[in-house]
All heavy atoms as atom14 arrays in JSON, in Angstrom:
{
  "sequence": "RAGKAHTAELNLEPSEGATFFVESCYGPATKVVTAYVEKV",
  "atom14_mask": [
    [1, 1, 1, 1, 1, 1, 1, 1, 1, 1, 1, 0, 0, 0],
    [1, 1, 1, 1, 1, 0, 0, 0, 0, 0, 0, 0, 0, 0],
    [1, 1, 1, 1, 0, 0, 0, 0, 0, 0, 0, 0, 0, 0],
    [1, 1, 1, 1, 1, 1, 1, 1, 1, 0, 0, 0, 0, 0],
    [1, 1, 1, 1, 1, 0, 0, 0, 0, 0, 0, 0, 0, 0],
    [1, 1, 1, 1, 1, 1, 1, 1, 1, 1, 0, 0, 0, 0],
    [1, 1, 1, 1, 1, 1, 1, 0, 0, 0, 0, 0, 0, 0],
    [1, 1, 1, 1, 1, 0, 0, 0, 0, 0, 0, 0, 0, 0],
    [1, 1, 1, 1, 1, 1, 1, 1, 1, 0, 0, 0, 0, 0],
    [1, 1, 1, 1, 1, 1, 1, 1, 0, 0, 0, 0, 0, 0],
    [1, 1, 1, 1, 1, 1, 1, 1, 0, 0, 0, 0, 0, 0],
    [1, 1, 1, 1, 1, 1, 1, 1, 0, 0, 0, 0, 0, 0],
    [1, 1, 1, 1, 1, 1, 1, 1, 1, 0, 0, 0, 0, 0],
    [1, 1, 1, 1, 1, 1, 1, 0, 0, 0, 0, 0, 0, 0],
    [1, 1, 1, 1, 1, 1, 0, 0, 0, 0, 0, 0, 0, 0],
    [1, 1, 1, 1, 1, 1, 1, 1, 1, 0, 0, 0, 0, 0],
    [1, 1, 1, 1, 0, 0, 0, 0, 0, 0, 0, 0, 0, 0],
    [1, 1, 1, 1, 1, 0, 0, 0, 0, 0, 0, 0, 0, 0],
    [1, 1, 1, 1, 1, 1, 1, 0, 0, 0, 0, 0, 0, 0],
    [1, 1, 1, 1, 1, 1, 1, 1, 1, 1, 1, 0, 0, 0],
    [1, 1, 1, 1, 1, 1, 1, 1, 1, 1, 1, 0, 0, 0],
    [1, 1, 1, 1, 1, 1, 1, 0, 0, 0, 0, 0, 0, 0],
    [1, 1, 1, 1, 1, 1, 1, 1, 1, 0, 0, 0, 0, 0],
    [1, 1, 1, 1, 1, 1, 0, 0, 0, 0, 0, 0, 0, 0],
    [1, 1, 1, 1, 1, 1, 0, 0, 0, 0, 0, 0, 0, 0],
    [1, 1, 1, 1, 1, 1, 1, 1, 1, 1, 1, 1, 0, 0],
    [1, 1, 1, 1, 0, 0, 0, 0, 0, 0, 0, 0, 0, 0],
    [1, 1, 1, 1, 1, 1, 1, 0, 0, 0, 0, 0, 0, 0],
    [1, 1, 1, 1, 1, 0, 0, 0, 0, 0, 0, 0, 0, 0],
    [1, 1, 1, 1, 1, 1, 1, 0, 0, 0, 0, 0, 0, 0],
    [1, 1, 1, 1, 1, 1, 1, 1, 1, 0, 0, 0, 0, 0],
    [1, 1, 1, 1, 1, 1, 1, 0, 0, 0, 0, 0, 0, 0],
    [1, 1, 1, 1, 1, 1, 1, 0, 0, 0, 0, 0, 0, 0],
    [1, 1, 1, 1, 1, 1, 1, 0, 0, 0, 0, 0, 0, 0],
    [1, 1, 1, 1, 1, 0, 0, 0, 0, 0, 0, 0, 0, 0],
    [1, 1, 1, 1, 1, 1, 1, 1, 1, 1, 1, 1, 0, 0],
    [1, 1, 1, 1, 1, 1, 1, 0, 0, 0, 0, 0, 0, 0],
    [1, 1, 1, 1, 1, 1, 1, 1, 1, 0, 0, 0, 0, 0],
    [1, 1, 1, 1, 1, 1, 1, 1, 1, 0, 0, 0, 0, 0],
    [1, 1, 1, 1, 1, 1, 1, 0, 0, 0, 0, 0, 0, 0]
  ],
  "atom14_positions": [
    [[-135.4, 64.5, 29.6], [-134.51, 63.87, 28.62], [-135.29, 63.47, 27.36], [-134.76, 63.54, 26.25], [-133.85, 62.64, 29.25], [-132.86, 61.91, 28.33], [-131.61, 62.74, 28.08], [-130.7, 62.08, 27.18], [-129.44, 61.72, 27.51], [-128.99, 61.96, 28.71], [-128.66, 61.13, 26.63], [0.0, 0.0, 0.0], [0.0, 0.0, 0.0], [0.0, 0.0, 0.0]],
    [[-136.55, 63.06, 27.53], [-137.37, 62.64, 26.4], [-137.97, 63.86, 25.71], [-139.18, 63.95, 25.48], [-138.46, 61.69, 26.87], [0.0, 0.0, 0.0], [0.0, 0.0, 0.0], [0.0, 0.0, 0.0], [0.0, 0.0, 0.0], [0.0, 0.0, 0.0], [0.0, 0.0, 0.0], [0.0, 0.0, 0.0], [0.0, 0.0, 0.0], [0.0, 0.0, 0.0]],
    [[-137.12, 64.79, 25.34], [-137.57, 66.08, 24.85], [-138.31, 66.03, 23.53], [-139.15, 66.89, 23.26], [0.0, 0.0, 0.0], [0.0, 0.0, 0.0], [0.0, 0.0, 0.0], [0.0, 0.0, 0.0], [0.0, 0.0, 0.0], [0.0, 0.0, 0.0], [0.0, 0.0, 0.0], [0.0, 0.0, 0.0], [0.0, 0.0, 0.0], [0.0, 0.0, 0.0]],
    [[-138.04, 65.04, 22.7], [-138.69, 64.96, 21.39], [-139.98, 64.16, 21.43], [-140.7, 64.07, 20.43], [-137.73, 64.3, 20.39], [-136.43, 65.06, 20.18], [-135.52, 64.31, 19.22], [-134.19, 65.03, 19.03], [-133.27, 64.28, 18.12], [0.0, 0.0, 0.0], [0.0, 0.0, 0.0], [0.0, 0.0, 0.0], [0.0, 0.0, 0.0], [0.0, 0.0, 0.0]],
    [[-140.28, 63.58, 22.57], [-141.42, 62.67, 22.68], [-142.67, 63.37, 23.2], [-142.6, 64.42, 23.87], [-141.06, 61.52, 23.62], [0.0, 0.0, 0.0], [0.0, 0.0, 0.0], [0.0, 0.0, 0.0], [0.0, 0.0, 0.0], [0.0, 0.0, 0.0], [0.0, 0.0, 0.0], [0.0, 0.0, 0.0], [0.0, 0.0, 0.0], [0.0, 0.0, 0.0]],
    [[-143.82, 62.77, 22.9], [-145.04, 63.13, 23.61], [-144.93, 62.52, 25.0], [-144.54, 61.35, 25.14], [-146.25, 62.56, 22.89], [-147.55, 62.88, 23.57], [-148.21, 64.08, 23.4], [-148.31, 62.15, 24.43], [-149.32, 64.08, 24.12], [-149.41, 62.92, 24.76], [0.0, 0.0, 0.0], [0.0, 0.0, 0.0], [0.0, 0.0, 0.0], [0.0, 0.0, 0.0]],
    [[-145.23, 63.28, 26.03], [-145.05, 62.8, 27.4], [-146.37, 62.79, 28.14], [-147.17, 63.73, 28.03], [-144.04, 63.67, 28.17], [-144.5, 65.03, 28.2], [-142.67, 63.61, 27.5], [0.0, 0.0, 0.0], [0.0, 0.0, 0.0], [0.0, 0.0, 0.0], [0.0, 0.0, 0.0], [0.0, 0.0, 0.0], [0.0, 0.0, 0.0], [0.0, 0.0, 0.0]],
    [[-146.6, 61.73, 28.9], [-147.85, 61.6, 29.64], [-147.58, 61.01, 31.02], [-146.81, 60.05, 31.14], [-148.86, 60.73, 28.88], [0.0, 0.0, 0.0], [0.0, 0.0, 0.0], [0.0, 0.0, 0.0], [0.0, 0.0, 0.0], [0.0, 0.0, 0.0], [0.0, 0.0, 0.0], [0.0, 0.0, 0.0], [0.0, 0.0, 0.0], [0.0, 0.0, 0.0]],
    [[-148.22, 61.6, 32.01], [-148.14, 61.08, 33.38], [-149.45, 60.36, 33.71], [-150.53, 60.97, 33.63], [-147.89, 62.21, 34.38], [-147.91, 61.73, 35.83], [-147.49, 62.8, 36.82], [-148.35, 63.63, 37.19], [-146.3, 62.81, 37.19], [0.0, 0.0, 0.0], [0.0, 0.0, 0.0], [0.0, 0.0, 0.0], [0.0, 0.0, 0.0], [0.0, 0.0, 0.0]],
    [[-149.34, 59.09, 34.08], [-150.49, 58.29, 34.49], [-150.26, 57.94, 35.95], [-149.41, 57.12, 36.28], [-150.6, 57.01, 33.65], [-150.47, 57.16, 32.13], [-150.62, 55.81, 31.44], [-151.47, 58.16, 31.58], [0.0, 0.0, 0.0], [0.0, 0.0, 0.0], [0.0, 0.0, 0.0], [0.0, 0.0, 0.0], [0.0, 0.0, 0.0], [0.0, 0.0, 0.0]],
    [[-151.02, 58.57, 36.83], [-150.7, 58.49, 38.24], [-151.98, 58.58, 39.06], [-153.02, 59.02, 38.58], [-149.77, 59.64, 38.64], [-148.6, 59.21, 39.5], [-148.52, 58.06, 39.92], [-147.71, 60.13, 39.79], [0.0, 0.0, 0.0], [0.0, 0.0, 0.0], [0.0, 0.0, 0.0], [0.0, 0.0, 0.0], [0.0, 0.0, 0.0], [0.0, 0.0, 0.0]],
    [[-151.87, 58.18, 40.32], [-153.02, 58.32, 41.21], [-153.32, 59.79, 41.47], [-154.48, 60.2, 41.58], [-152.75, 57.57, 42.53], [-153.92, 57.47, 43.5], [-155.09, 56.71, 42.87], [-153.47, 56.79, 44.79], [0.0, 0.0, 0.0], [0.0, 0.0, 0.0], [0.0, 0.0, 0.0], [0.0, 0.0, 0.0], [0.0, 0.0, 0.0], [0.0, 0.0, 0.0]],
    [[-152.27, 60.59, 41.55], [-152.38, 62.03, 41.76], [-151.17, 62.69, 41.13], [-150.19, 62.02, 40.8], [-152.46, 62.34, 43.25], [-151.28, 61.83, 44.03], [-151.48, 61.95, 45.53], [-152.62, 62.16, 45.98], [-150.46, 61.84, 46.25], [0.0, 0.0, 0.0], [0.0, 0.0, 0.0], [0.0, 0.0, 0.0], [0.0, 0.0, 0.0], [0.0, 0.0, 0.0]],
    [[-151.2, 64.01, 40.93], [-150.05, 64.67, 40.29], [-148.76, 64.45, 41.08], [-148.74, 64.56, 42.3], [-150.46, 66.15, 40.3], [-151.95, 66.12, 40.31], [-152.33, 64.94, 41.16], [0.0, 0.0, 0.0], [0.0, 0.0, 0.0], [0.0, 0.0, 0.0], [0.0, 0.0, 0.0], [0.0, 0.0, 0.0], [0.0, 0.0, 0.0], [0.0, 0.0, 0.0]],
    [[-147.7, 64.16, 40.35], [-146.39, 64.01, 40.97], [-145.74, 65.37, 41.15], [-146.28, 66.39, 40.71], [-145.49, 63.13, 40.1], [-145.09, 63.85, 38.94], [0.0, 0.0, 0.0], [0.0, 0.0, 0.0], [0.0, 0.0, 0.0], [0.0, 0.0, 0.0], [0.0, 0.0, 0.0], [0.0, 0.0, 0.0], [0.0, 0.0, 0.0], [0.0, 0.0, 0.0]],
    [[-144.59, 65.39, 41.75], [-143.87, 66.65, 41.92], [-143.43, 67.24, 40.58], [-143.21, 68.44, 40.48], [-142.66, 66.45, 42.84], [-143.04, 66.17, 44.28], [-141.86, 66.25, 45.22], [-140.8, 66.75, 44.81], [-141.99, 65.82, 46.38], [0.0, 0.0, 0.0], [0.0, 0.0, 0.0], [0.0, 0.0, 0.0], [0.0, 0.0, 0.0], [0.0, 0.0, 0.0]],
    [[-143.31, 66.38, 39.58], [-142.91, 66.87, 38.26], [-144.04, 66.91, 37.26], [-143.8, 66.92, 36.04], [0.0, 0.0, 0.0], [0.0, 0.0, 0.0], [0.0, 0.0, 0.0], [0.0, 0.0, 0.0], [0.0, 0.0, 0.0], [0.0, 0.0, 0.0], [0.0, 0.0, 0.0], [0.0, 0.0, 0.0], [0.0, 0.0, 0.0], [0.0, 0.0, 0.0]],
    [[-145.28, 66.98, 37.73], [-146.44, 66.88, 36.85], [-146.45, 67.95, 35.76], [-146.9, 67.7, 34.64], [-147.72, 66.96, 37.67], [0.0, 0.0, 0.0], [0.0, 0.0, 0.0], [0.0, 0.0, 0.0], [0.0, 0.0, 0.0], [0.0, 0.0, 0.0], [0.0, 0.0, 0.0], [0.0, 0.0, 0.0], [0.0, 0.0, 0.0], [0.0, 0.0, 0.0]],
    [[-145.97, 69.13, 36.05], [-146.04, 70.23, 35.08], [-145.11, 70.03, 33.89], [-145.25, 70.74, 32.89], [-145.7, 71.57, 35.76], [-144.4, 71.49, 36.36], [-146.73, 71.9, 36.84], [0.0, 0.0, 0.0], [0.0, 0.0, 0.0], [0.0, 0.0, 0.0], [0.0, 0.0, 0.0], [0.0, 0.0, 0.0], [0.0, 0.0, 0.0], [0.0, 0.0, 0.0]],
    [[-144.2, 69.08, 33.97], [-143.29, 68.83, 32.86], [-143.92, 67.98, 31.76], [-143.34, 67.85, 30.67], [-142.01, 68.16, 33.35], [-141.18, 69.03, 34.26], [-141.1, 68.75, 35.61], [-140.48, 70.12, 33.77], [-140.35, 69.54, 36.46], [-139.72, 70.92, 34.6], [-139.66, 70.63, 35.96], [0.0, 0.0, 0.0], [0.0, 0.0, 0.0], [0.0, 0.0, 0.0]],
    [[-145.08, 67.38, 32.04], [-145.71, 66.47, 31.09], [-146.72, 67.2, 30.22], [-147.43, 68.11, 30.67], [-146.41, 65.33, 31.82], [-145.45, 64.37, 32.48], [-144.97, 64.63, 33.76], [-145.01, 63.24, 31.83], [-144.08, 63.76, 34.39], [-144.11, 62.36, 32.44], [-143.65, 62.62, 33.71], [0.0, 0.0, 0.0], [0.0, 0.0, 0.0], [0.0, 0.0, 0.0]],
    [[-146.81, 66.78, 28.97], [-147.77, 67.36, 28.04], [-149.19, 66.92, 28.39], [-150.15, 67.68, 28.26], [-147.42, 66.94, 26.59], [-148.5, 67.38, 25.62], [-146.06, 67.49, 26.19], [0.0, 0.0, 0.0], [0.0, 0.0, 0.0], [0.0, 0.0, 0.0], [0.0, 0.0, 0.0], [0.0, 0.0, 0.0], [0.0, 0.0, 0.0], [0.0, 0.0, 0.0]],
    [[-149.33, 65.7, 28.85], [-150.64, 65.1, 29.1], [-150.63, 64.44, 30.47], [-149.6, 63.96, 30.94], [-150.94, 64.07, 28.01], [-152.29, 63.43, 28.08], [-152.53, 62.41, 26.97], [-151.57, 62.11, 26.23], [-153.66, 61.91, 26.86], [0.0, 0.0, 0.0], [0.0, 0.0, 0.0], [0.0, 0.0, 0.0], [0.0, 0.0, 0.0], [0.0, 0.0, 0.0]],
    [[-151.78, 64.38, 31.11], [-151.87, 63.72, 32.4], [-153.22, 63.0, 32.53], [-154.24, 63.49, 32.04], [-151.71, 64.71, 33.54], [-152.69, 65.73, 33.47], [0.0, 0.0, 0.0], [0.0, 0.0, 0.0], [0.0, 0.0, 0.0], [0.0, 0.0, 0.0], [0.0, 0.0, 0.0], [0.0, 0.0, 0.0], [0.0, 0.0, 0.0], [0.0, 0.0, 0.0]],
    [[-153.19, 61.86, 33.2], [-154.4, 61.08, 33.49], [-154.27, 60.58, 34.91], [-153.28, 59.89, 35.23], [-154.55, 59.9, 32.54], [-154.61, 60.32, 30.79], [0.0, 0.0, 0.0], [0.0, 0.0, 0.0], [0.0, 0.0, 0.0], [0.0, 0.0, 0.0], [0.0, 0.0, 0.0], [0.0, 0.0, 0.0], [0.0, 0.0, 0.0], [0.0, 0.0, 0.0]],
    [[-155.24, 60.9, 35.77], [-155.12, 60.56, 37.18], [-156.24, 59.62, 37.63], [-157.4, 59.79, 37.26], [-155.11, 61.82, 38.03], [-153.93, 62.72, 37.7], [-154.12, 64.0, 37.22], [-152.63, 62.24, 37.82], [-153.04, 64.81, 36.89], [-151.54, 63.04, 37.5], [-151.75, 64.31, 37.04], [-150.67, 65.1, 36.71], [0.0, 0.0, 0.0], [0.0, 0.0, 0.0]],
    [[-155.82, 58.64, 38.41], [-156.74, 57.64, 38.94], [-155.97, 56.36, 39.21], [-154.75, 56.3, 39.03], [0.0, 0.0, 0.0], [0.0, 0.0, 0.0], [0.0, 0.0, 0.0], [0.0, 0.0, 0.0], [0.0, 0.0, 0.0], [0.0, 0.0, 0.0], [0.0, 0.0, 0.0], [0.0, 0.0, 0.0], [0.0, 0.0, 0.0], [0.0, 0.0, 0.0]],
    [[-156.66, 55.31, 39.67], [-155.97, 54.03, 39.92], [-155.29, 53.51, 38.67], [-155.83, 53.62, 37.56], [-157.12, 53.1, 40.36], [-158.2, 54.03, 40.83], [-158.1, 55.26, 39.97], [0.0, 0.0, 0.0], [0.0, 0.0, 0.0], [0.0, 0.0, 0.0], [0.0, 0.0, 0.0], [0.0, 0.0, 0.0], [0.0, 0.0, 0.0], [0.0, 0.0, 0.0]],
    [[-154.1, 52.94, 38.84], [-153.33, 52.46, 37.68], [-154.11, 51.44, 36.87], [-154.03, 51.43, 35.63], [-152.01, 51.86, 38.16], [0.0, 0.0, 0.0], [0.0, 0.0, 0.0], [0.0, 0.0, 0.0], [0.0, 0.0, 0.0], [0.0, 0.0, 0.0], [0.0, 0.0, 0.0], [0.0, 0.0, 0.0], [0.0, 0.0, 0.0], [0.0, 0.0, 0.0]],
    [[-154.86, 50.58, 37.53], [-155.6, 49.55, 36.8], [-156.61, 50.15, 35.82], [-156.93, 49.52, 34.81], [-156.33, 48.62, 37.78], [-157.09, 49.41, 38.71], [-155.35, 47.76, 38.56], [0.0, 0.0, 0.0], [0.0, 0.0, 0.0], [0.0, 0.0, 0.0], [0.0, 0.0, 0.0], [0.0, 0.0, 0.0], [0.0, 0.0, 0.0], [0.0, 0.0, 0.0]],
    [[-157.06, 51.36, 36.11], [-158.02, 52.01, 35.21], [-157.34, 52.9, 34.19], [-157.58, 52.79, 32.99], [-159.03, 52.81, 36.04], [-159.94, 51.95, 36.91], [-160.97, 52.79, 37.64], [-161.9, 51.9, 38.46], [-162.94, 52.7, 39.19], [0.0, 0.0, 0.0], [0.0, 0.0, 0.0], [0.0, 0.0, 0.0], [0.0, 0.0, 0.0], [0.0, 0.0, 0.0]],
    [[-156.47, 53.81, 34.66], [-155.92, 54.8, 33.73], [-154.92, 54.18, 32.76], [-154.86, 54.56, 31.59], [-155.31, 56.0, 34.48], [-156.37, 56.74, 35.26], [-154.16, 55.58, 35.37], [0.0, 0.0, 0.0], [0.0, 0.0, 0.0], [0.0, 0.0, 0.0], [0.0, 0.0, 0.0], [0.0, 0.0, 0.0], [0.0, 0.0, 0.0], [0.0, 0.0, 0.0]],
    [[-154.12, 53.22, 33.22], [-153.15, 52.59, 32.32], [-153.85, 51.74, 31.27], [-153.53, 51.79, 30.08], [-152.13, 51.75, 33.12], [-151.2, 51.0, 32.17], [-151.34, 52.64, 34.06], [0.0, 0.0, 0.0], [0.0, 0.0, 0.0], [0.0, 0.0, 0.0], [0.0, 0.0, 0.0], [0.0, 0.0, 0.0], [0.0, 0.0, 0.0], [0.0, 0.0, 0.0]],
    [[-154.83, 50.97, 31.7], [-155.59, 50.13, 30.76], [-156.25, 50.99, 29.69], [-156.17, 50.68, 28.5], [-156.64, 49.31, 31.51], [-156.0, 48.5, 32.49], [-157.41, 48.42, 30.56], [0.0, 0.0, 0.0], [0.0, 0.0, 0.0], [0.0, 0.0, 0.0], [0.0, 0.0, 0.0], [0.0, 0.0, 0.0], [0.0, 0.0, 0.0], [0.0, 0.0, 0.0]],
    [[-156.88, 52.08, 30.1], [-157.56, 52.94, 29.14], [-156.57, 53.61, 28.2], [-156.83, 53.73, 26.98], [-158.38, 54.0, 29.89], [0.0, 0.0, 0.0], [0.0, 0.0, 0.0], [0.0, 0.0, 0.0], [0.0, 0.0, 0.0], [0.0, 0.0, 0.0], [0.0, 0.0, 0.0], [0.0, 0.0, 0.0], [0.0, 0.0, 0.0], [0.0, 0.0, 0.0]],
    [[-155.44, 54.05, 28.72], [-154.47, 54.74, 27.89], [-153.85, 53.79, 26.86], [-153.66, 54.16, 25.7], [-153.38, 55.38, 28.74], [-152.62, 56.48, 28.02], [-153.07, 57.79, 28.07], [-151.49, 56.18, 27.26], [-152.39, 58.8, 27.39], [-150.81, 57.18, 26.58], [-151.26, 58.49, 26.65], [-150.61, 59.47, 25.95], [0.0, 0.0, 0.0], [0.0, 0.0, 0.0]],
    [[-153.54, 52.57, 27.29], [-152.99, 51.59, 26.35], [-153.98, 51.29, 25.24], [-153.61, 51.23, 24.05], [-152.6, 50.3, 27.09], [-152.35, 49.16, 26.11], [-151.35, 50.53, 27.95], [0.0, 0.0, 0.0], [0.0, 0.0, 0.0], [0.0, 0.0, 0.0], [0.0, 0.0, 0.0], [0.0, 0.0, 0.0], [0.0, 0.0, 0.0], [0.0, 0.0, 0.0]],
    [[-155.24, 51.14, 25.58], [-156.25, 50.88, 24.54], [-156.32, 52.04, 23.55], [-156.45, 51.83, 22.34], [-157.61, 50.64, 25.18], [-157.7, 49.33, 25.98], [-157.46, 48.11, 25.12], [-157.77, 48.12, 23.9], [-156.91, 47.11, 25.67], [0.0, 0.0, 0.0], [0.0, 0.0, 0.0], [0.0, 0.0, 0.0], [0.0, 0.0, 0.0], [0.0, 0.0, 0.0]],
    [[-156.21, 53.26, 24.08], [-156.23, 54.44, 23.19], [-155.04, 54.44, 22.25], [-155.18, 54.68, 21.04], [-156.25, 55.73, 24.02], [-156.32, 56.99, 23.18], [-156.13, 58.25, 24.0], [-154.66, 58.51, 24.32], [-154.44, 59.89, 24.85], [0.0, 0.0, 0.0], [0.0, 0.0, 0.0], [0.0, 0.0, 0.0], [0.0, 0.0, 0.0], [0.0, 0.0, 0.0]],
    [[-153.85, 54.17, 22.8], [-152.64, 54.18, 21.98], [-152.71, 53.1, 20.9], [-152.36, 53.35, 19.74], [-151.39, 53.98, 22.88], [-150.16, 53.7, 22.03], [-151.16, 55.21, 23.73], [0.0, 0.0, 0.0], [0.0, 0.0, 0.0], [0.0, 0.0, 0.0], [0.0, 0.0, 0.0], [0.0, 0.0, 0.0], [0.0, 0.0, 0.0], [0.0, 0.0, 0.0]]
  ]
}
């Protein structure tokens, strides 16, 4: 649905829909989410 947006999956491991995302970052949420927010 978010077709016009940049899409990123931040997950412990790839989800069943991982291929639909433009970007992916895998690891514990406390690490990958914190790092991604700082980047944004």
